C-alpha cells in the first residue's frame, strides 16, 4: 500500500498494512481494490465497526491501529 517514513499500521480485512500517516480512507480503499482487481463501486466499508458512507471516504483520515473491513456489495433480495 503506502510506505515511507510517516507510516502507521492499520488492519484491513484481518491483514496488518502500513499506510501513510494521515492517509485518506479513499486512497486506502483505492489501493486495496487495485491490488485485488475489485471494482471500487461494489465495495462497502466499515471503519472500527462503523459503516462509512461513500460520501465520507475522501474526508475520513485513517489513524494508527484502525480496523478496516471491506465488503463486496451484492444486489438482490
PDB file of N, CA and C in Angstrom:
ATOM      1  N   UNK A   1       0.839  -1.184   0.000  1.00  0.00           N
ATOM      2  CA  UNK A   1       0.000   0.000   0.000  1.00  0.00           C
ATOM      3  C   UNK A   1       0.881   1.243   0.000  1.00  0.00           C
ATOM      4  N   UNK A   2       0.894   1.931   1.128  1.00  0.00           N
ATOM      5  CA  UNK A   2       1.700   3.134   1.244  1.00  0.00           C
ATOM      6  C   UNK A   2       2.834   2.832   2.194  1.00  0.00           C
ATOM      7  N   UNK A   3       4.025   3.274   1.828  1.00  0.00           N
ATOM      8  CA  UNK A   3       5.160   3.054   2.710  1.00  0.00           C
ATOM      9  C   UNK A   3       5.982   4.326   2.752  1.00  0.00           C
ATOM     10  N   UNK A   4       6.785   4.443   3.772  1.00  0.00           N
ATOM     11  CA  UNK A   4       7.619   5.622   3.887  1.00  0.00           C
ATOM     12  C   UNK A   4       7.826   5.963   5.344  1.00  0.00           C
ATOM     13  N   UNK A   5       8.461   7.084   5.570  1.00  0.00           N
ATOM     14  CA  UNK A   5       8.805   7.466   6.930  1.00  0.00           C
ATOM     15  C   UNK A   5       7.585   7.725   7.792  1.00  0.00           C
ATOM     16  N   UNK A   6       6.611   8.437   7.316  1.00  0.00           N
ATOM     17  CA  UNK A   6       5.458   8.769   8.128  1.00  0.00           C
ATOM     18  C   UNK A   6       4.373   7.737   7.987  1.00  0.00           C
ATOM     19  N   UNK A   7       4.647   6.482   8.353  1.00  0.00           N
ATOM     20  CA  UNK A   7       3.639   5.445   8.163  1.00  0.00           C
ATOM     21  C   UNK A   7       3.078   4.971   9.495  1.00  0.00           C
ATOM     22  N   UNK A   8       1.871   4.418   9.415  1.00  0.00           N
ATOM     23  CA  UNK A   8       1.194   3.848  10.578  1.00  0.00           C
ATOM     24  C   UNK A   8       0.649   2.484  10.179  1.00  0.00           C
ATOM     25  N   UNK A   9       0.357   1.660  11.167  1.00  0.00           N
ATOM     26  CA  UNK A   9      -0.216   0.333  10.914  1.00  0.00           C
ATOM     27  C   UNK A   9      -1.723   0.384  11.108  1.00  0.00           C
ATOM     28  N   UNK A  10      -2.440  -0.218  10.163  1.00  0.00           N
ATOM     29  CA  UNK A  10      -3.873  -0.434  10.296  1.00  0.00           C
ATOM     30  C   UNK A  10      -4.145  -1.878   9.909  1.00  0.00           C
ATOM     31  N   UNK A  11      -5.322  -2.350  10.215  1.00  0.00           N
ATOM     32  CA  UNK A  11      -5.716  -3.696   9.818  1.00  0.00           C
ATOM     33  C   UNK A  11      -6.790  -3.583   8.750  1.00  0.00           C
ATOM     34  N   UNK A  12      -6.552  -4.240   7.617  1.00  0.00           N
ATOM     35  CA  UNK A  12      -7.513  -4.253   6.516  1.00  0.00           C
ATOM     36  C   UNK A  12      -7.910  -5.705   6.283  1.00  0.00           C
ATOM     37  N   UNK A  13      -9.173  -6.019   6.542  1.00  0.00           N
ATOM     38  CA  UNK A  13      -9.669  -7.396   6.389  1.00  0.00           C
ATOM     39  C   UNK A  13      -8.723  -8.401   7.050  1.00  0.00           C
ATOM     40  N   UNK A  14      -8.384  -8.135   8.295  1.00  0.00           N
ATOM     41  CA  UNK A  14      -7.555  -9.004   9.134  1.00  0.00           C
ATOM     42  C   UNK A  14      -6.092  -9.090   8.712  1.00  0.00           C
ATOM     43  N   UNK A  15      -5.643  -8.188   7.836  1.00  0.00           N
ATOM     44  CA  UNK A  15      -4.230  -8.128   7.447  1.00  0.00           C
ATOM     45  C   UNK A  15      -3.658  -6.792   7.903  1.00  0.00           C
ATOM     46  N   UNK A  16      -2.524  -6.821   8.605  1.00  0.00           N
ATOM     47  CA  UNK A  16      -1.873  -5.587   9.030  1.00  0.00           C
ATOM     48  C   UNK A  16      -1.183  -4.961   7.822  1.00  0.00           C
ATOM     49  N   UNK A  17      -1.458  -3.679   7.612  1.00  0.00           N
ATOM     50  CA  UNK A  17      -0.886  -2.936   6.484  1.00  0.00           C
ATOM     51  C   UNK A  17      -0.227  -1.668   7.000  1.00  0.00           C
ATOM     52  N   UNK A  18       0.806  -1.246   6.312  1.00  0.00           N
ATOM     53  CA  UNK A  18       1.435   0.045   6.575  1.00  0.00           C
ATOM     54  C   UNK A  18       0.871   1.045   5.575  1.00  0.00           C
ATOM     55  N   UNK A  19       0.392   2.168   6.083  1.00  0.00           N
ATOM     56  CA  UNK A  19      -0.115   3.224   5.204  1.00  0.00           C
ATOM     57  C   UNK A  19       0.527   4.538   5.609  1.00  0.00           C
ATOM     58  N   UNK A  20       0.438   5.517   4.748  1.00  0.00           N
ATOM     59  CA  UNK A  20       0.966   6.839   5.062  1.00  0.00           C
ATOM     60  C   UNK A  20       0.206   7.429   6.242  1.00  0.00           C
ATOM     61  N   UNK A  21       0.922   8.064   7.142  1.00  0.00           N
ATOM     62  CA  UNK A  21       0.283   8.751   8.254  1.00  0.00           C
ATOM     63  C   UNK A  21      -0.691   9.788   7.703  1.00  0.00           C
ATOM     64  N   UNK A  22      -1.897   9.801   8.227  1.00  0.00           N
ATOM     65  CA  UNK A  22      -2.960  10.720   7.820  1.00  0.00           C
ATOM     66  C   UNK A  22      -3.469  10.450   6.407  1.00  0.00           C
ATOM     67  N   UNK A  23      -3.346   9.201   5.958  1.00  0.00           N
ATOM     68  CA  UNK A  23      -3.872   8.821   4.635  1.00  0.00           C
ATOM     69  C   UNK A  23      -5.395   8.906   4.651  1.00  0.00           C
ATOM     70  N   UNK A  24      -5.950   9.332   3.540  1.00  0.00           N
ATOM     71  CA  UNK A  24      -7.402   9.388   3.407  1.00  0.00           C
ATOM     72  C   UNK A  24      -7.936   7.979   3.146  1.00  0.00           C
ATOM     73  N   UNK A  25      -9.089   7.701   3.717  1.00  0.00           N
ATOM     74  CA  UNK A  25      -9.725   6.408   3.542  1.00  0.00           C
ATOM     75  C   UNK A  25      -9.897   6.081   2.063  1.00  0.00           C
ATOM     76  N   UNK A  26     -10.261   7.057   1.260  1.00  0.00           N
ATOM     77  CA  UNK A  26     -10.443   6.872  -0.181  1.00  0.00           C
ATOM     78  C   UNK A  26      -9.192   6.262  -0.809  1.00  0.00           C
ATOM     79  N   UNK A  27      -8.016   6.774  -0.458  1.00  0.00           N
ATOM     80  CA  UNK A  27      -6.769   6.284  -1.036  1.00  0.00           C
ATOM     81  C   UNK A  27      -6.458   4.857  -0.607  1.00  0.00           C
ATOM     82  N   UNK A  28      -6.744   4.540   0.641  1.00  0.00           N
ATOM     83  CA  UNK A  28      -6.510   3.189   1.139  1.00  0.00           C
ATOM     84  C   UNK A  28      -7.418   2.197   0.407  1.00  0.00           C
ATOM     85  N   UNK A  29      -8.687   2.561   0.249  1.00  0.00           N
ATOM     86  CA  UNK A  29      -9.644   1.693  -0.436  1.00  0.00           C
ATOM     87  C   UNK A  29      -9.252   1.513  -1.901  1.00  0.00           C
ATOM     88  N   UNK A  30      -8.880   2.603  -2.563  1.00  0.00           N
ATOM     89  CA  UNK A  30      -8.467   2.516  -3.971  1.00  0.00           C
ATOM     90  C   UNK A  30      -7.283   1.570  -4.132  1.00  0.00           C
ATOM     91  N   UNK A  31      -6.296   1.694  -3.266  1.00  0.00           N
ATOM     92  CA  UNK A  31      -5.115   0.839  -3.353  1.00  0.00           C
ATOM     93  C   UNK A  31      -5.483  -0.626  -3.121  1.00  0.00           C
ATOM     94  N   UNK A  32      -6.307  -0.872  -2.116  1.00  0.00           N
ATOM     95  CA  UNK A  32      -6.735  -2.236  -1.819  1.00  0.00           C
ATOM     96  C   UNK A  32      -7.464  -2.839  -3.016  1.00  0.00           C
ATOM     97  N   UNK A  33      -8.388  -2.099  -3.593  1.00  0.00           N
ATOM     98  CA  UNK A  33      -9.176  -2.606  -4.721  1.00  0.00           C
ATOM     99  C   UNK A  33      -8.305  -2.835  -5.961  1.00  0.00           C
ATOM    100  N   UNK A  34      -7.376  -1.925  -6.231  1.00  0.00           N
ATOM    101  CA  UNK A  34      -6.477  -2.087  -7.379  1.00  0.00           C
ATOM    102  C   UNK A  34      -5.647  -3.357  -7.238  1.00  0.00           C
ATOM    103  N   UNK A  35      -5.124  -3.604  -6.047  1.00  0.00           N
ATOM    104  CA  UNK A  35      -4.265  -4.772  -5.820  1.00  0.00           C
ATOM    105  C   UNK A  35      -5.012  -6.091  -5.925  1.00  0.00           C
ATOM    106  N   UNK A  36      -6.327  -6.046  -5.810  1.00  0.00           N
ATOM    107  CA  UNK A  36      -7.128  -7.274  -5.842  1.00  0.00           C
ATOM    108  C   UNK A  36      -8.109  -7.315  -7.001  1.00  0.00           C
ATOM    109  N   UNK A  37      -7.986  -6.378  -7.912  1.00  0.00           N
ATOM    110  CA  UNK A  37      -8.867  -6.297  -9.086  1.00  0.00           C
ATOM    111  C   UNK A  37     -10.345  -6.312  -8.680  1.00  0.00           C
ATOM    112  N   UNK A  38     -10.663  -5.509  -7.675  1.00  0.00           N
ATOM    113  CA  UNK A  38     -12.032  -5.383  -7.181  1.00  0.00           C
ATOM    114  C   UNK A  38     -12.582  -4.042  -7.652  1.00  0.00           C
ATOM    115  N   UNK A  39     -13.825  -4.039  -8.108  1.00  0.00           N
ATOM    116  CA  UNK A  39     -14.483  -2.805  -8.529  1.00  0.00           C
ATOM    117  C   UNK A  39     -14.804  -1.974  -7.289  1.00  0.00           C
ATOM    118  N   UNK A  40     -14.208  -0.812  -7.175  1.00  0.00           N
ATOM    119  CA  UNK A  40     -14.406   0.048  -6.006  1.00  0.00           C
ATOM    120  C   UNK A  40     -15.870   0.431  -5.814  1.00  0.00           C
ATOM    121  N   UNK A  41     -16.632   0.438  -6.887  1.00  0.00           N
ATOM    122  CA  UNK A  41     -18.046   0.785  -6.798  1.00  0.00           C
ATOM    123  C   UNK A  41     -18.893  -0.332  -6.194  1.00  0.00           C
ATOM    124  N   UNK A  42     -18.300  -1.494  -5.988  1.00  0.00           N
ATOM    125  CA  UNK A  42     -19.044  -2.615  -5.416  1.00  0.00           C
ATOM    126  C   UNK A  42     -18.608  -2.906  -3.977  1.00  0.00           C
ATOM    127  N   UNK A  43     -17.957  -1.926  -3.337  1.00  0.00           N
ATOM    128  CA  UNK A  43     -17.397  -2.131  -2.009  1.00  0.00           C
ATOM    129  C   UNK A  43     -18.146  -1.299  -0.969  1.00  0.00           C
ATOM    130  N   UNK A  44     -18.424  -1.928   0.163  1.00  0.00           N
ATOM    131  CA  UNK A  44     -18.918  -1.229   1.347  1.00  0.00           C
ATOM    132  C   UNK A  44     -17.808  -1.281   2.391  1.00  0.00           C
ATOM    133  N   UNK A  45     -17.760  -0.269   3.253  1.00  0.00           N
ATOM    134  CA  UNK A  45     -16.636  -0.137   4.169  1.00  0.00           C
ATOM    135  C   UNK A  45     -17.115   0.085   5.605  1.00  0.00           C
ATOM    136  N   UNK A  46     -16.463  -0.629   6.525  1.00  0.00           N
ATOM    137  CA  UNK A  46     -16.665  -0.387   7.953  1.00  0.00           C
ATOM    138  C   UNK A  46     -15.301  -0.030   8.548  1.00  0.00           C
ATOM    139  N   UNK A  47     -15.264   1.068   9.256  1.00  0.00           N
ATOM    140  CA  UNK A  47     -14.048   1.520   9.918  1.00  0.00           C
ATOM    141  C   UNK A  47     -14.294   1.455  11.418  1.00  0.00           C
ATOM    142  N   UNK A  48     -13.531   0.605  12.098  1.00  0.00           N
ATOM    143  CA  UNK A  48     -13.709   0.406  13.536  1.00  0.00           C
ATOM    144  C   UNK A  48     -15.164   0.055  13.867  1.00  0.00           C
ATOM    145  N   UNK A  49     -15.700  -0.865  13.086  1.00  0.00           N
ATOM    146  CA  UNK A  49     -17.063  -1.410  13.250  1.00  0.00           C
ATOM    147  C   UNK A  49     -18.179  -0.418  12.940  1.00  0.00           C
ATOM    148  N   UNK A  50     -17.858   0.696  12.296  1.00  0.00           N
ATOM    149  CA  UNK A  50     -18.870   1.680  11.900  1.00  0.00           C
ATOM    150  C   UNK A  50     -18.871   1.812  10.380  1.00  0.00           C
ATOM    151  N   UNK A  51     -20.039   1.619   9.773  1.00  0.00           N
ATOM    152  CA  UNK A  51     -20.144   1.751   8.324  1.00  0.00           C
ATOM    153  C   UNK A  51     -19.841   3.198   7.932  1.00  0.00           C
ATOM    154  N   UNK A  52     -18.994   3.343   6.922  1.00  0.00           N
ATOM    155  CA  UNK A  52     -18.634   4.676   6.438  1.00  0.00           C
ATOM    156  C   UNK A  52     -19.242   4.854   5.053  1.00  0.00           C
ATOM    157  N   UNK A  53     -20.187   5.790   4.899  1.00  0.00           N
ATOM    158  CA  UNK A  53     -20.783   6.001   3.582  1.00  0.00           C
ATOM    159  C   UNK A  53     -19.752   6.526   2.579  1.00  0.00           C
ATOM    160  N   UNK A  54     -19.949   6.181   1.329  1.00  0.00           N
ATOM    161  CA  UNK A  54     -19.026   6.599   0.264  1.00  0.00           C
ATOM    162  C   UNK A  54     -18.777   8.107   0.303  1.00  0.00           C
ATOM    163  N   UNK A  55     -19.769   8.871   0.661  1.00  0.00           N
ATOM    164  CA  UNK A  55     -19.634  10.334   0.688  1.00  0.00           C
ATOM    165  C   UNK A  55     -18.598  10.815   1.706  1.00  0.00           C
ATOM    166  N   UNK A  56     -18.198   9.973   2.654  1.00  0.00           N
ATOM    167  CA  UNK A  56     -17.202  10.361   3.660  1.00  0.00           C
ATOM    168  C   UNK A  56     -15.816   9.777   3.404  1.00  0.00           C
ATOM    169  N   UNK A  57     -15.669   8.939   2.398  1.00  0.00           N
ATOM    170  CA  UNK A  57     -14.374   8.306   2.150  1.00  0.00           C
ATOM    171  C   UNK A  57     -13.264   9.320   1.933  1.00  0.00           C
ATOM    172  N   UNK A  58     -13.525  10.369   1.200  1.00  0.00           N
ATOM    173  CA  UNK A  58     -12.485  11.355   0.868  1.00  0.00           C
ATOM    174  C   UNK A  58     -12.091  12.186   2.091  1.00  0.00           C
ATOM    175  N   UNK A  59     -13.005  12.448   2.984  1.00  0.00           N
ATOM    176  CA  UNK A  59     -12.694  13.305   4.137  1.00  0.00           C
ATOM    177  C   UNK A  59     -12.225  12.529   5.366  1.00  0.00           C
ATOM    178  N   UNK A  60     -12.474  11.220   5.395  1.00  0.00           N
ATOM    179  CA  UNK A  60     -12.093  10.405   6.556  1.00  0.00           C
ATOM    180  C   UNK A  60     -10.593  10.122   6.538  1.00  0.00           C
ATOM    181  N   UNK A  61      -9.911  10.452   7.619  1.00  0.00           N
ATOM    182  CA  UNK A  61      -8.474  10.214   7.747  1.00  0.00           C
ATOM    183  C   UNK A  61      -8.261   8.947   8.571  1.00  0.00           C
ATOM    184  N   UNK A  62      -7.410   8.063   8.085  1.00  0.00           N
ATOM    185  CA  UNK A  62      -7.096   6.831   8.813  1.00  0.00           C
ATOM    186  C   UNK A  62      -6.079   7.130   9.906  1.00  0.00           C
ATOM    187  N   UNK A  63      -6.245   6.446  11.030  1.00  0.00           N
ATOM    188  CA  UNK A  63      -5.372   6.616  12.185  1.00  0.00           C
ATOM    189  C   UNK A  63      -4.679   5.287  12.489  1.00  0.00           C
ATOM    190  N   UNK A  64      -3.584   5.357  13.232  1.00  0.00           N
ATOM    191  CA  UNK A  64      -2.877   4.142  13.654  1.00  0.00           C
ATOM    192  C   UNK A  64      -3.840   3.214  14.379  1.00  0.00           C
ATOM    193  N   UNK A  65      -3.715   1.935  14.088  1.00  0.00           N
ATOM    194  CA  UNK A  65      -4.489   0.864  14.718  1.00  0.00           C
ATOM    195  C   UNK A  65      -5.961   0.829  14.308  1.00  0.00           C
ATOM    196  N   UNK A  66      -6.350   1.594  13.291  1.00  0.00           N
ATOM    197  CA  UNK A  66      -7.715   1.484  12.776  1.00  0.00           C
ATOM    198  C   UNK A  66      -7.932   0.077  12.246  1.00  0.00           C
ATOM    199  N   UNK A  67      -9.174  -0.373  12.322  1.00  0.00           N
ATOM    200  CA  UNK A  67      -9.554  -1.667  11.760  1.00  0.00           C
ATOM    201  C   UNK A  67     -10.540  -1.393  10.630  1.00  0.00           C
ATOM    202  N   UNK A  68     -10.148  -1.755   9.429  1.00  0.00           N
ATOM    203  CA  UNK A  68     -10.927  -1.500   8.239  1.00  0.00           C
ATOM    204  C   UNK A  68     -11.416  -2.818   7.660  1.00  0.00           C
ATOM    205  N   UNK A  69     -12.706  -2.898   7.404  1.00  0.00           N
ATOM    206  CA  UNK A  69     -13.297  -4.086   6.778  1.00  0.00           C
ATOM    207  C   UNK A  69     -13.942  -3.648   5.477  1.00  0.00           C
ATOM    208  N   UNK A  70     -13.577  -4.310   4.387  1.00  0.00           N
ATOM    209  CA  UNK A  70     -14.164  -4.038   3.083  1.00  0.00           C
ATOM    210  C   UNK A  70     -15.011  -5.235   2.677  1.00  0.00           C
ATOM    211  N   UNK A  71     -16.210  -4.954   2.218  1.00  0.00           N
ATOM    212  CA  UNK A  71     -17.155  -5.994   1.842  1.00  0.00           C
ATOM    213  C   UNK A  71     -17.608  -5.763   0.417  1.00  0.00           C
ATOM    214  N   UNK A  72     -17.786  -6.840  -0.331  1.00  0.00           N
ATOM    215  CA  UNK A  72     -18.381  -6.720  -1.652  1.00  0.00           C
ATOM    216  C   UNK A  72     -19.888  -6.602  -1.492  1.00  0.00           C
ATOM    217  N   UNK A  73     -20.442  -5.631  -2.188  1.00  0.00           N
ATOM    218  CA  UNK A  73     -21.879  -5.404  -2.142  1.00  0.00           C
ATOM    219  C   UNK A  73     -22.533  -6.235  -3.237  1.00  0.00           C
ATOM    220  N   UNK A  74     -23.558  -6.979  -2.860  1.00  0.00           N
ATOM    221  CA  UNK A  74     -24.266  -7.825  -3.816  1.00  0.00           C
ATOM    222  C   UNK A  74     -25.717  -7.369  -3.867  1.00  0.00           C
ATOM    223  N   UNK A  75     -26.189  -7.074  -5.070  1.00  0.00           N
ATOM    224  CA  UNK A  75     -27.583  -6.660  -5.231  1.00  0.00           C
ATOM    225  C   UNK A  75     -28.482  -7.888  -5.207  1.00  0.00           C
ATOM    226  N   UNK A  76     -29.669  -7.675  -4.775  1.00  0.00           N
ATOM    227  CA  UNK A  76     -30.612  -8.792  -4.763  1.00  0.00           C
ATOM    228  C   UNK A  76     -31.616  -8.642  -3.650  1.00  0.00           C
ATOM    229  N   UNK A  77     -32.413  -9.649  -3.482  1.00  0.00           N
ATOM    230  CA  UNK A  77     -33.419  -9.528  -2.429  1.00  0.00           C
ATOM    231  C   UNK A  77     -33.937 -10.857  -1.973  1.00  0.00           C
TER     232      UNK A  77
END
